[in-house]
Amino acid sequence: MATGAIAELQRNCPNWSSIVDAIVKLERKTFPKHESLAKSFDEELKKNNSGLLYVVLDGEVAGYVMYSWPSSLCASITKLAGRYCPKHVRQNSQER
Protein backbone atom coordinates (compact mmCIF):
# COMPACT_ATOMS: atom_id res chain seq x y z
CA MET A 1 0.00 0.00 0.00
CA ALA A 2 1.32 3.42 -0.94
CA THR A 3 1.80 6.02 1.73
CA GLY A 4 1.25 9.59 0.72
CA ALA A 5 0.75 13.06 2.10
CA ILE A 6 -0.42 16.43 0.86
CA ALA A 7 1.52 19.40 2.16
CA GLU A 8 1.74 23.13 1.59
CA LEU A 9 5.16 24.43 0.64
CA GLN A 10 6.27 27.02 3.19
CA ARG A 11 9.12 29.45 2.60
CA ASN A 12 10.79 28.47 5.90
CA CYS A 13 10.65 24.73 5.12
CA PRO A 14 14.06 23.10 5.78
CA ASN A 15 13.96 21.06 2.55
CA TRP A 16 12.60 23.89 0.35
CA SER A 17 15.27 23.55 -2.33
CA SER A 18 14.95 19.78 -2.71
CA ILE A 19 11.16 20.02 -3.04
CA VAL A 20 11.38 22.86 -5.56
CA ASP A 21 14.02 20.92 -7.53
CA ALA A 22 11.75 17.86 -7.67
CA ILE A 23 8.81 20.02 -8.79
CA VAL A 24 10.90 21.75 -11.47
CA LYS A 25 11.98 18.32 -12.75
CA LEU A 26 8.31 17.25 -12.91
CA GLU A 27 7.46 20.56 -14.62
CA ARG A 28 10.05 19.98 -17.35
CA LYS A 29 8.78 16.45 -18.01
CA THR A 30 5.12 17.49 -18.08
CA PHE A 31 4.93 20.75 -20.03
CA PRO A 32 6.45 21.92 -23.32
CA LYS A 33 9.14 24.60 -23.04
CA HIS A 34 6.83 27.46 -24.02
CA GLU A 35 4.37 26.57 -21.21
CA SER A 36 6.88 25.59 -18.54
CA LEU A 37 7.61 27.74 -15.50
CA ALA A 38 10.78 25.76 -14.77
CA LYS A 39 13.06 28.77 -15.24
CA SER A 40 10.96 31.14 -13.12
CA PHE A 41 9.42 28.72 -10.64
CA ASP A 42 11.16 30.16 -7.59
CA GLU A 43 10.17 33.73 -8.54
CA GLU A 44 6.53 32.67 -8.94
CA LEU A 45 6.52 31.21 -5.44
CA LYS A 46 8.00 34.38 -3.94
CA LYS A 47 4.91 36.37 -4.88
CA ASN A 48 2.74 37.28 -1.89
CA ASN A 49 -0.49 36.10 -3.49
CA SER A 50 0.64 32.62 -4.57
CA GLY A 51 0.99 29.23 -2.93
CA LEU A 52 1.75 25.62 -3.70
CA LEU A 53 0.38 22.29 -2.51
CA TYR A 54 2.29 19.13 -3.36
CA VAL A 55 1.79 15.39 -2.98
CA VAL A 56 4.50 13.05 -1.74
CA LEU A 57 4.11 9.32 -2.45
CA ASP A 58 6.68 6.98 -0.93
CA GLY A 59 9.15 9.81 -0.43
CA GLU A 60 8.88 11.26 -3.97
CA VAL A 61 7.00 14.34 -5.20
CA ALA A 62 4.18 12.93 -7.33
CA GLY A 63 2.26 16.10 -8.16
CA TYR A 64 1.54 19.70 -7.29
CA VAL A 65 -0.95 22.51 -7.69
CA MET A 66 0.13 26.14 -7.80
CA TYR A 67 -2.53 28.70 -6.98
CA SER A 68 -2.96 32.44 -6.59
CA TRP A 69 -5.61 34.53 -4.93
CA PRO A 70 -6.15 37.83 -6.76
CA SER A 71 -8.71 38.92 -4.16
CA SER A 72 -9.72 37.86 -0.69
CA LEU A 73 -12.86 36.20 -2.07
CA CYS A 74 -11.45 33.85 -4.67
CA ALA A 75 -8.41 31.84 -5.68
CA SER A 76 -7.44 30.32 -8.99
CA ILE A 77 -5.28 27.38 -9.99
CA THR A 78 -2.40 28.59 -12.14
CA LYS A 79 -0.56 25.29 -12.64
CA LEU A 80 -1.45 21.66 -12.00
CA ALA A 81 0.71 18.62 -12.74
CA GLY A 82 1.04 15.03 -11.66
CA ARG A 83 3.23 12.09 -12.42
CA TYR A 84 1.83 8.77 -13.56
CA CYS A 85 2.72 6.17 -10.95
CA PRO A 86 1.77 2.73 -12.26
CA LYS A 87 2.69 1.04 -8.98
CA HIS A 88 0.09 3.20 -7.21
CA VAL A 89 -2.75 2.60 -9.64
CA ARG A 90 -5.25 0.02 -8.47
CA GLN A 91 -5.24 -3.06 -10.63
CA ASN A 92 -8.52 -4.03 -12.23
CA SER A 93 -9.50 -7.32 -10.67
CA GLN A 94 -11.94 -9.89 -12.00
CA GLU A 95 -12.07 -11.61 -8.61
CA ARG A 96 -14.90 -9.84 -6.81
PDB file of N, CA and C in Angstrom:
ATOM      1  N   MET A   1       0.838  -1.180   0.000  1.00  0.00           N
ATOM      2  CA  MET A   1       0.000   0.000   0.000  1.00  0.00           C
ATOM      3  C   MET A   1       0.882   1.241   0.000  1.00  0.00           C
ATOM      4  N   ALA A   2       0.546   2.179  -0.828  1.00  0.00           N
ATOM      5  CA  ALA A   2       1.320   3.417  -0.943  1.00  0.00           C
ATOM      6  C   ALA A   2       0.995   4.345   0.218  1.00  0.00           C
ATOM      7  N   THR A   3       2.011   5.024   0.699  1.00  0.00           N
ATOM      8  CA  THR A   3       1.799   6.021   1.727  1.00  0.00           C
ATOM      9  C   THR A   3       2.049   7.381   1.113  1.00  0.00           C
ATOM     10  N   GLY A   4       1.133   8.281   1.321  1.00  0.00           N
ATOM     11  CA  GLY A   4       1.254   9.592   0.716  1.00  0.00           C
ATOM     12  C   GLY A   4       0.786  10.684   1.651  1.00  0.00           C
ATOM     13  N   ALA A   5       1.153  11.905   1.312  1.00  0.00           N
ATOM     14  CA  ALA A   5       0.752  13.059   2.102  1.00  0.00           C
ATOM     15  C   ALA A   5       0.655  14.279   1.198  1.00  0.00           C
ATOM     16  N   ILE A   6      -0.288  15.146   1.527  1.00  0.00           N
ATOM     17  CA  ILE A   6      -0.423  16.426   0.856  1.00  0.00           C
ATOM     18  C   ILE A   6       0.096  17.484   1.810  1.00  0.00           C
ATOM     19  N   ALA A   7       0.938  18.365   1.302  1.00  0.00           N
ATOM     20  CA  ALA A   7       1.519  19.401   2.155  1.00  0.00           C
ATOM     21  C   ALA A   7       1.551  20.728   1.407  1.00  0.00           C
ATOM     22  N   GLU A   8       1.583  21.798   2.172  1.00  0.00           N
ATOM     23  CA  GLU A   8       1.744  23.126   1.592  1.00  0.00           C
ATOM     24  C   GLU A   8       3.203  23.520   1.716  1.00  0.00           C
ATOM     25  N   LEU A   9       3.758  24.019   0.640  1.00  0.00           N
ATOM     26  CA  LEU A   9       5.161  24.427   0.639  1.00  0.00           C
ATOM     27  C   LEU A   9       5.278  25.778   1.342  1.00  0.00           C
ATOM     28  N   GLN A  10       6.035  25.802   2.425  1.00  0.00           N
ATOM     29  CA  GLN A  10       6.269  27.019   3.190  1.00  0.00           C
ATOM     30  C   GLN A  10       7.666  27.542   2.901  1.00  0.00           C
ATOM     31  N   ARG A  11       7.832  28.833   2.890  1.00  0.00           N
ATOM     32  CA  ARG A  11       9.123  29.454   2.595  1.00  0.00           C
ATOM     33  C   ARG A  11      10.184  29.031   3.608  1.00  0.00           C
ATOM     34  N   ASN A  12       9.827  28.824   4.856  1.00  0.00           N
ATOM     35  CA  ASN A  12      10.792  28.468   5.897  1.00  0.00           C
ATOM     36  C   ASN A  12      10.990  26.955   6.045  1.00  0.00           C
ATOM     37  N   CYS A  13      10.511  26.187   5.103  1.00  0.00           N
ATOM     38  CA  CYS A  13      10.648  24.732   5.118  1.00  0.00           C
ATOM     39  C   CYS A  13      12.135  24.357   4.994  1.00  0.00           C
ATOM     40  N   PRO A  14      12.636  23.440   5.835  1.00  0.00           N
ATOM     41  CA  PRO A  14      14.061  23.102   5.775  1.00  0.00           C
ATOM     42  C   PRO A  14      14.496  22.426   4.476  1.00  0.00           C
ATOM     43  N   ASN A  15      13.604  21.721   3.808  1.00  0.00           N
ATOM     44  CA  ASN A  15      13.964  21.058   2.551  1.00  0.00           C
ATOM     45  C   ASN A  15      13.307  21.747   1.347  1.00  0.00           C
ATOM     46  N   TRP A  16      13.198  23.070   1.419  1.00  0.00           N
ATOM     47  CA  TRP A  16      12.601  23.889   0.354  1.00  0.00           C
ATOM     48  C   TRP A  16      13.254  23.614  -0.996  1.00  0.00           C
ATOM     49  N   SER A  17      14.581  23.673  -1.035  1.00  0.00           N
ATOM     50  CA  SER A  17      15.271  23.554  -2.325  1.00  0.00           C
ATOM     51  C   SER A  17      15.108  22.175  -2.947  1.00  0.00           C
ATOM     52  N   SER A  18      15.110  21.123  -2.141  1.00  0.00           N
ATOM     53  CA  SER A  18      14.951  19.783  -2.713  1.00  0.00           C
ATOM     54  C   SER A  18      13.531  19.569  -3.238  1.00  0.00           C
ATOM     55  N   ILE A  19      12.549  20.128  -2.566  1.00  0.00           N
ATOM     56  CA  ILE A  19      11.161  20.016  -3.036  1.00  0.00           C
ATOM     57  C   ILE A  19      10.982  20.811  -4.322  1.00  0.00           C
ATOM     58  N   VAL A  20      11.499  22.032  -4.357  1.00  0.00           N
ATOM     59  CA  VAL A  20      11.382  22.861  -5.561  1.00  0.00           C
ATOM     60  C   VAL A  20      12.122  22.210  -6.726  1.00  0.00           C
ATOM     61  N   ASP A  21      13.287  21.616  -6.467  1.00  0.00           N
ATOM     62  CA  ASP A  21      14.025  20.919  -7.529  1.00  0.00           C
ATOM     63  C   ASP A  21      13.220  19.754  -8.096  1.00  0.00           C
ATOM     64  N   ALA A  22      12.567  18.987  -7.214  1.00  0.00           N
ATOM     65  CA  ALA A  22      11.746  17.859  -7.675  1.00  0.00           C
ATOM     66  C   ALA A  22      10.546  18.347  -8.474  1.00  0.00           C
ATOM     67  N   ILE A  23       9.957  19.470  -8.072  1.00  0.00           N
ATOM     68  CA  ILE A  23       8.807  20.024  -8.788  1.00  0.00           C
ATOM     69  C   ILE A  23       9.237  20.578 -10.144  1.00  0.00           C
ATOM     70  N   VAL A  24      10.388  21.225 -10.200  1.00  0.00           N
ATOM     71  CA  VAL A  24      10.898  21.746 -11.474  1.00  0.00           C
ATOM     72  C   VAL A  24      11.188  20.594 -12.437  1.00  0.00           C
ATOM     73  N   LYS A  25      11.721  19.507 -11.920  1.00  0.00           N
ATOM     74  CA  LYS A  25      11.975  18.325 -12.753  1.00  0.00           C
ATOM     75  C   LYS A  25      10.663  17.776 -13.319  1.00  0.00           C
ATOM     76  N   LEU A  26       9.635  17.698 -12.473  1.00  0.00           N
ATOM     77  CA  LEU A  26       8.314  17.254 -12.913  1.00  0.00           C
ATOM     78  C   LEU A  26       7.734  18.231 -13.925  1.00  0.00           C
ATOM     79  N   GLU A  27       7.929  19.512 -13.713  1.00  0.00           N
ATOM     80  CA  GLU A  27       7.455  20.557 -14.623  1.00  0.00           C
ATOM     81  C   GLU A  27       8.080  20.400 -16.007  1.00  0.00           C
ATOM     82  N   ARG A  28       9.367  20.131 -16.061  1.00  0.00           N
ATOM     83  CA  ARG A  28      10.051  19.976 -17.352  1.00  0.00           C
ATOM     84  C   ARG A  28       9.569  18.745 -18.108  1.00  0.00           C
ATOM     85  N   LYS A  29       9.259  17.672 -17.367  1.00  0.00           N
ATOM     86  CA  LYS A  29       8.779  16.453 -18.013  1.00  0.00           C
ATOM     87  C   LYS A  29       7.338  16.596 -18.499  1.00  0.00           C
ATOM     88  N   THR A  30       6.547  17.415 -17.815  1.00  0.00           N
ATOM     89  CA  THR A  30       5.117  17.493 -18.083  1.00  0.00           C
ATOM     90  C   THR A  30       4.757  18.486 -19.179  1.00  0.00           C
ATOM     91  N   PHE A  31       5.357  19.660 -19.151  1.00  0.00           N
ATOM     92  CA  PHE A  31       4.934  20.747 -20.034  1.00  0.00           C
ATOM     93  C   PHE A  31       5.968  21.029 -21.115  1.00  0.00           C
ATOM     94  N   PRO A  32       5.502  21.480 -22.292  1.00  0.00           N
ATOM     95  CA  PRO A  32       6.450  21.917 -23.320  1.00  0.00           C
ATOM     96  C   PRO A  32       7.174  23.178 -22.854  1.00  0.00           C
ATOM     97  N   LYS A  33       8.302  23.480 -23.479  1.00  0.00           N
ATOM     98  CA  LYS A  33       9.136  24.599 -23.042  1.00  0.00           C
ATOM     99  C   LYS A  33       8.387  25.927 -23.005  1.00  0.00           C
ATOM    100  N   HIS A  34       7.519  26.171 -23.974  1.00  0.00           N
ATOM    101  CA  HIS A  34       6.831  27.465 -24.017  1.00  0.00           C
ATOM    102  C   HIS A  34       5.759  27.608 -22.940  1.00  0.00           C
ATOM    103  N   GLU A  35       5.352  26.503 -22.286  1.00  0.00           N
ATOM    104  CA  GLU A  35       4.369  26.568 -21.208  1.00  0.00           C
ATOM    105  C   GLU A  35       4.992  26.349 -19.835  1.00  0.00           C
ATOM    106  N   SER A  36       6.233  25.962 -19.795  1.00  0.00           N
ATOM    107  CA  SER A  36       6.878  25.592 -18.540  1.00  0.00           C
ATOM    108  C   SER A  36       7.304  26.814 -17.730  1.00  0.00           C
ATOM    109  N   LEU A  37       7.128  26.715 -16.424  1.00  0.00           N
ATOM    110  CA  LEU A  37       7.609  27.743 -15.501  1.00  0.00           C
ATOM    111  C   LEU A  37       8.919  27.319 -14.853  1.00  0.00           C
ATOM    112  N   ALA A  38       9.585  26.321 -15.401  1.00  0.00           N
ATOM    113  CA  ALA A  38      10.779  25.757 -14.769  1.00  0.00           C
ATOM    114  C   ALA A  38      11.848  26.810 -14.498  1.00  0.00           C
ATOM    115  N   LYS A  39      12.026  27.748 -15.418  1.00  0.00           N
ATOM    116  CA  LYS A  39      13.063  28.769 -15.241  1.00  0.00           C
ATOM    117  C   LYS A  39      12.683  29.806 -14.195  1.00  0.00           C
ATOM    118  N   SER A  40      11.399  30.084 -14.033  1.00  0.00           N
ATOM    119  CA  SER A  40      10.964  31.141 -13.121  1.00  0.00           C
ATOM    120  C   SER A  40      10.126  30.612 -11.965  1.00  0.00           C
ATOM    121  N   PHE A  41      10.258  29.338 -11.654  1.00  0.00           N
ATOM    122  CA  PHE A  41       9.419  28.718 -10.640  1.00  0.00           C
ATOM    123  C   PHE A  41       9.612  29.361  -9.268  1.00  0.00           C
ATOM    124  N   ASP A  42      10.860  29.579  -8.889  1.00  0.00           N
ATOM    125  CA  ASP A  42      11.155  30.163  -7.587  1.00  0.00           C
ATOM    126  C   ASP A  42      10.601  31.583  -7.480  1.00  0.00           C
ATOM    127  N   GLU A  43      10.696  32.363  -8.552  1.00  0.00           N
ATOM    128  CA  GLU A  43      10.172  33.726  -8.541  1.00  0.00           C
ATOM    129  C   GLU A  43       8.646  33.733  -8.408  1.00  0.00           C
ATOM    130  N   GLU A  44       7.990  32.772  -9.056  1.00  0.00           N
ATOM    131  CA  GLU A  44       6.531  32.674  -8.942  1.00  0.00           C
ATOM    132  C   GLU A  44       6.113  32.396  -7.504  1.00  0.00           C
ATOM    133  N   LEU A  45       6.867  31.556  -6.820  1.00  0.00           N
ATOM    134  CA  LEU A  45       6.520  31.207  -5.439  1.00  0.00           C
ATOM    135  C   LEU A  45       6.823  32.329  -4.453  1.00  0.00           C
ATOM    136  N   LYS A  46       7.673  33.261  -4.831  1.00  0.00           N
ATOM    137  CA  LYS A  46       8.000  34.376  -3.945  1.00  0.00           C
ATOM    138  C   LYS A  46       6.908  35.434  -3.905  1.00  0.00           C
ATOM    139  N   LYS A  47       5.995  35.395  -4.848  1.00  0.00           N
ATOM    140  CA  LYS A  47       4.908  36.370  -4.880  1.00  0.00           C
ATOM    141  C   LYS A  47       4.024  36.198  -3.651  1.00  0.00           C
ATOM    142  N   ASN A  48       3.544  37.308  -3.114  1.00  0.00           N
ATOM    143  CA  ASN A  48       2.739  37.276  -1.889  1.00  0.00           C
ATOM    144  C   ASN A  48       1.383  36.616  -2.076  1.00  0.00           C
ATOM    145  N   ASN A  49       0.851  36.638  -3.276  1.00  0.00           N
ATOM    146  CA  ASN A  49      -0.494  36.100  -3.492  1.00  0.00           C
ATOM    147  C   ASN A  49      -0.479  34.727  -4.158  1.00  0.00           C
ATOM    148  N   SER A  50       0.592  33.951  -3.971  1.00  0.00           N
ATOM    149  CA  SER A  50       0.641  32.615  -4.568  1.00  0.00           C
ATOM    150  C   SER A  50       1.018  31.577  -3.518  1.00  0.00           C
ATOM    151  N   GLY A  51       0.676  30.338  -3.824  1.00  0.00           N
ATOM    152  CA  GLY A  51       0.995  29.232  -2.929  1.00  0.00           C
ATOM    153  C   GLY A  51       1.109  27.943  -3.715  1.00  0.00           C
ATOM    154  N   LEU A  52       1.545  26.890  -3.029  1.00  0.00           N
ATOM    155  CA  LEU A  52       1.750  25.615  -3.700  1.00  0.00           C
ATOM    156  C   LEU A  52       1.436  24.471  -2.739  1.00  0.00           C
ATOM    157  N   LEU A  53       0.636  23.544  -3.215  1.00  0.00           N
ATOM    158  CA  LEU A  53       0.379  22.291  -2.513  1.00  0.00           C
ATOM    159  C   LEU A  53       1.040  21.189  -3.314  1.00  0.00           C
ATOM    160  N   TYR A  54       1.644  20.223  -2.639  1.00  0.00           N
ATOM    161  CA  TYR A  54       2.289  19.127  -3.356  1.00  0.00           C
ATOM    162  C   TYR A  54       1.964  17.800  -2.676  1.00  0.00           C
ATOM    163  N   VAL A  55       2.072  16.736  -3.451  1.00  0.00           N
ATOM    164  CA  VAL A  55       1.787  15.393  -2.975  1.00  0.00           C
ATOM    165  C   VAL A  55       3.083  14.597  -2.963  1.00  0.00           C
ATOM    166  N   VAL A  56       3.337  13.918  -1.861  1.00  0.00           N
ATOM    167  CA  VAL A  56       4.505  13.049  -1.739  1.00  0.00           C
ATOM    168  C   VAL A  56       4.003  11.623  -1.602  1.00  0.00           C
ATOM    169  N   LEU A  57       4.432  10.743  -2.511  1.00  0.00           N
ATOM    170  CA  LEU A  57       4.113   9.321  -2.448  1.00  0.00           C
ATOM    171  C   LEU A  57       5.408   8.537  -2.278  1.00  0.00           C
ATOM    172  N   ASP A  58       5.498   7.791  -1.224  1.00  0.00           N
ATOM    173  CA  ASP A  58       6.678   6.975  -0.934  1.00  0.00           C
ATOM    174  C   ASP A  58       7.971   7.780  -1.025  1.00  0.00           C
ATOM    175  N   GLY A  59       7.955   8.988  -0.490  1.00  0.00           N
ATOM    176  CA  GLY A  59       9.148   9.810  -0.435  1.00  0.00           C
ATOM    177  C   GLY A  59       9.473  10.608  -1.682  1.00  0.00           C
ATOM    178  N   GLU A  60       8.644  10.536  -2.722  1.00  0.00           N
ATOM    179  CA  GLU A  60       8.884  11.262  -3.966  1.00  0.00           C
ATOM    180  C   GLU A  60       7.729  12.213  -4.243  1.00  0.00           C
ATOM    181  N   VAL A  61       8.042  13.389  -4.802  1.00  0.00           N
ATOM    182  CA  VAL A  61       7.003  14.337  -5.197  1.00  0.00           C
ATOM    183  C   VAL A  61       6.275  13.755  -6.409  1.00  0.00           C
ATOM    184  N   ALA A  62       4.963  13.563  -6.261  1.00  0.00           N
ATOM    185  CA  ALA A  62       4.181  12.935  -7.329  1.00  0.00           C
ATOM    186  C   ALA A  62       3.286  13.925  -8.055  1.00  0.00           C
ATOM    187  N   GLY A  63       3.094  15.114  -7.500  1.00  0.00           N
ATOM    188  CA  GLY A  63       2.260  16.104  -8.159  1.00  0.00           C
ATOM    189  C   GLY A  63       2.200  17.382  -7.355  1.00  0.00           C
ATOM    190  N   TYR A  64       1.656  18.418  -7.980  1.00  0.00           N
ATOM    191  CA  TYR A  64       1.536  19.696  -7.292  1.00  0.00           C
ATOM    192  C   TYR A  64       0.430  20.521  -7.919  1.00  0.00           C
ATOM    193  N   VAL A  65      -0.022  21.496  -7.184  1.00  0.00           N
ATOM    194  CA  VAL A  65      -0.951  22.506  -7.690  1.00  0.00           C
ATOM    195  C   VAL A  65      -0.452  23.865  -7.194  1.00  0.00           C
ATOM    196  N   MET A  66      -0.259  24.774  -8.136  1.00  0.00           N
ATOM    197  CA  MET A  66       0.129  26.143  -7.805  1.00  0.00           C
ATOM    198  C   MET A  66      -1.117  26.992  -7.926  1.00  0.00           C
ATOM    199  N   TYR A  67      -1.330  27.878  -6.970  1.00  0.00           N
ATOM    200  CA  TYR A  67      -2.534  28.696  -6.976  1.00  0.00           C
ATOM    201  C   TYR A  67      -2.186  30.136  -6.626  1.00  0.00           C
ATOM    202  N   SER A  68      -3.097  31.032  -6.961  1.00  0.00           N
ATOM    203  CA  SER A  68      -2.963  32.438  -6.585  1.00  0.00           C
ATOM    204  C   SER A  68      -4.337  32.937  -6.175  1.00  0.00           C
ATOM    205  N   TRP A  69      -4.353  33.941  -5.341  1.00  0.00           N
ATOM    206  CA  TRP A  69      -5.605  34.532  -4.929  1.00  0.00           C
ATOM    207  C   TRP A  69      -5.550  36.033  -5.227  1.00  0.00           C
ATOM    208  N   PRO A  70      -6.169  36.425  -6.362  1.00  0.00           N
ATOM    209  CA  PRO A  70      -6.154  37.829  -6.758  1.00  0.00           C
ATOM    210  C   PRO A  70      -6.960  38.732  -5.830  1.00  0.00           C
ATOM    211  N   SER A  71      -7.936  38.157  -5.135  1.00  0.00           N
ATOM    212  CA  SER A  71      -8.714  38.921  -4.165  1.00  0.00           C
ATOM    213  C   SER A  71      -8.947  38.045  -2.943  1.00  0.00           C
ATOM    214  N   SER A  72      -9.484  38.627  -1.908  1.00  0.00           N
ATOM    215  CA  SER A  72      -9.718  37.860  -0.685  1.00  0.00           C
ATOM    216  C   SER A  72     -10.903  36.907  -0.814  1.00  0.00           C
ATOM    217  N   LEU A  73     -11.671  37.021  -1.896  1.00  0.00           N
ATOM    218  CA  LEU A  73     -12.864  36.201  -2.069  1.00  0.00           C
ATOM    219  C   LEU A  73     -12.679  34.991  -2.967  1.00  0.00           C
ATOM    220  N   CYS A  74     -11.612  34.965  -3.744  1.00  0.00           N
ATOM    221  CA  CYS A  74     -11.454  33.845  -4.666  1.00  0.00           C
ATOM    222  C   CYS A  74      -9.980  33.516  -4.877  1.00  0.00           C
ATOM    223  N   ALA A  75      -9.760  32.297  -5.316  1.00  0.00           N
ATOM    224  CA  ALA A  75      -8.414  31.837  -5.676  1.00  0.00           C
ATOM    225  C   ALA A  75      -8.531  31.109  -7.007  1.00  0.00           C
ATOM    226  N   SER A  76      -7.424  31.042  -7.724  1.00  0.00           N
ATOM    227  CA  SER A  76      -7.437  30.324  -8.995  1.00  0.00           C
ATOM    228  C   SER A  76      -6.200  29.441  -9.102  1.00  0.00           C
ATOM    229  N   ILE A  77      -6.380  28.307  -9.768  1.00  0.00           N
ATOM    230  CA  ILE A  77      -5.276  27.383  -9.989  1.00  0.00           C
ATOM    231  C   ILE A  77      -4.507  27.879 -11.208  1.00  0.00           C
ATOM    232  N   THR A  78      -3.213  28.104 -11.032  1.00  0.00           N
ATOM    233  CA  THR A  78      -2.400  28.594 -12.138  1.00  0.00           C
ATOM    234  C   THR A  78      -1.605  27.478 -12.805  1.00  0.00           C
ATOM    235  N   LYS A  79      -1.316  26.404 -12.086  1.00  0.00           N
ATOM    236  CA  LYS A  79      -0.556  25.286 -12.644  1.00  0.00           C
ATOM    237  C   LYS A  79      -0.926  24.028 -11.872  1.00  0.00           C
ATOM    238  N   LEU A  80      -1.083  22.940 -12.600  1.00  0.00           N
ATOM    239  CA  LEU A  80      -1.448  21.655 -12.002  1.00  0.00           C
ATOM    240  C   LEU A  80      -0.722  20.563 -12.772  1.00  0.00           C
ATOM    241  N   ALA A  81      -0.014  19.701 -12.068  1.00  0.00           N
ATOM    242  CA  ALA A  81       0.711  18.621 -12.740  1.00  0.00           C
ATOM    243  C   ALA A  81       0.818  17.429 -11.807  1.00  0.00           C
ATOM    244  N   GLY A  82       0.873  16.257 -12.408  1.00  0.00           N
ATOM    245  CA  GLY A  82       1.040  15.026 -11.655  1.00  0.00           C
ATOM    246  C   GLY A  82       1.823  14.021 -12.463  1.00  0.00           C
ATOM    247  N   ARG A  83       2.433  13.116 -11.775  1.00  0.00           N
ATOM    248  CA  ARG A  83       3.232  12.090 -12.419  1.00  0.00           C
ATOM    249  C   ARG A  83       2.443  10.795 -12.404  1.00  0.00           C
ATOM    250  N   TYR A  84       2.484  10.073 -13.487  1.00  0.00           N
ATOM    251  CA  TYR A  84       1.829   8.770 -13.560  1.00  0.00           C
ATOM    252  C   TYR A  84       2.659   7.758 -12.774  1.00  0.00           C
ATOM    253  N   CYS A  85       2.038   7.149 -11.802  1.00  0.00           N
ATOM    254  CA  CYS A  85       2.721   6.171 -10.950  1.00  0.00           C
ATOM    255  C   CYS A  85       2.025   4.826 -11.099  1.00  0.00           C
ATOM    256  N   PRO A  86       2.473   3.984 -12.023  1.00  0.00           N
ATOM    257  CA  PRO A  86       1.771   2.726 -12.259  1.00  0.00           C
ATOM    258  C   PRO A  86       1.733   1.816 -11.040  1.00  0.00           C
ATOM    259  N   LYS A  87       2.711   1.910 -10.159  1.00  0.00           N
ATOM    260  CA  LYS A  87       2.692   1.043  -8.979  1.00  0.00           C
ATOM    261  C   LYS A  87       1.644   1.479  -7.972  1.00  0.00           C
ATOM    262  N   HIS A  88       1.106   2.713  -8.129  1.00  0.00           N
ATOM    263  CA  HIS A  88       0.092   3.200  -7.210  1.00  0.00           C
ATOM    264  C   HIS A  88      -1.315   3.145  -7.784  1.00  0.00           C
ATOM    265  N   VAL A  89      -1.448   2.716  -9.016  1.00  0.00           N
ATOM    266  CA  VAL A  89      -2.753   2.596  -9.642  1.00  0.00           C
ATOM    267  C   VAL A  89      -3.346   1.248  -9.260  1.00  0.00           C
ATOM    268  N   ARG A  90      -4.602   1.284  -8.839  1.00  0.00           N
ATOM    269  CA  ARG A  90      -5.246   0.021  -8.472  1.00  0.00           C
ATOM    270  C   ARG A  90      -5.404  -0.865  -9.697  1.00  0.00           C
ATOM    271  N   GLN A  91      -5.105  -2.120  -9.538  1.00  0.00           N
ATOM    272  CA  GLN A  91      -5.239  -3.056 -10.634  1.00  0.00           C
ATOM    273  C   GLN A  91      -6.694  -3.485 -10.764  1.00  0.00           C
ATOM    274  N   ASN A  92      -7.174  -3.575 -11.985  1.00  0.00           N
ATOM    275  CA  ASN A  92      -8.524  -4.028 -12.234  1.00  0.00           C
ATOM    276  C   ASN A  92      -8.577  -5.528 -11.971  1.00  0.00           C
ATOM    277  N   SER A  93      -9.444  -5.921 -11.082  1.00  0.00           N
ATOM    278  CA  SER A  93      -9.496  -7.318 -10.673  1.00  0.00           C
ATOM    279  C   SER A  93     -10.816  -7.944 -11.082  1.00  0.00           C
ATOM    280  N   GLN A  94     -10.734  -9.137 -11.636  1.00  0.00           N
ATOM    281  CA  GLN A  94     -11.937  -9.893 -11.999  1.00  0.00           C
ATOM    282  C   GLN A  94     -12.449 -10.706 -10.814  1.00  0.00           C
ATOM    283  N   GLU A  95     -11.678 -10.799  -9.768  1.00  0.00           N
ATOM    284  CA  GLU A  95     -12.069 -11.609  -8.606  1.00  0.00           C
ATOM    285  C   GLU A  95     -12.801 -10.745  -7.595  1.00  0.00           C
ATOM    286  N   ARG A  96     -14.104 -10.661  -7.751  1.00  0.00           N
ATOM    287  CA  ARG A  96     -14.897  -9.845  -6.805  1.00  0.00           C
ATOM    288  C   ARG A  96     -15.945 -10.669  -6.160  1.00  0.00           C
TER     289      ARG A  96
END
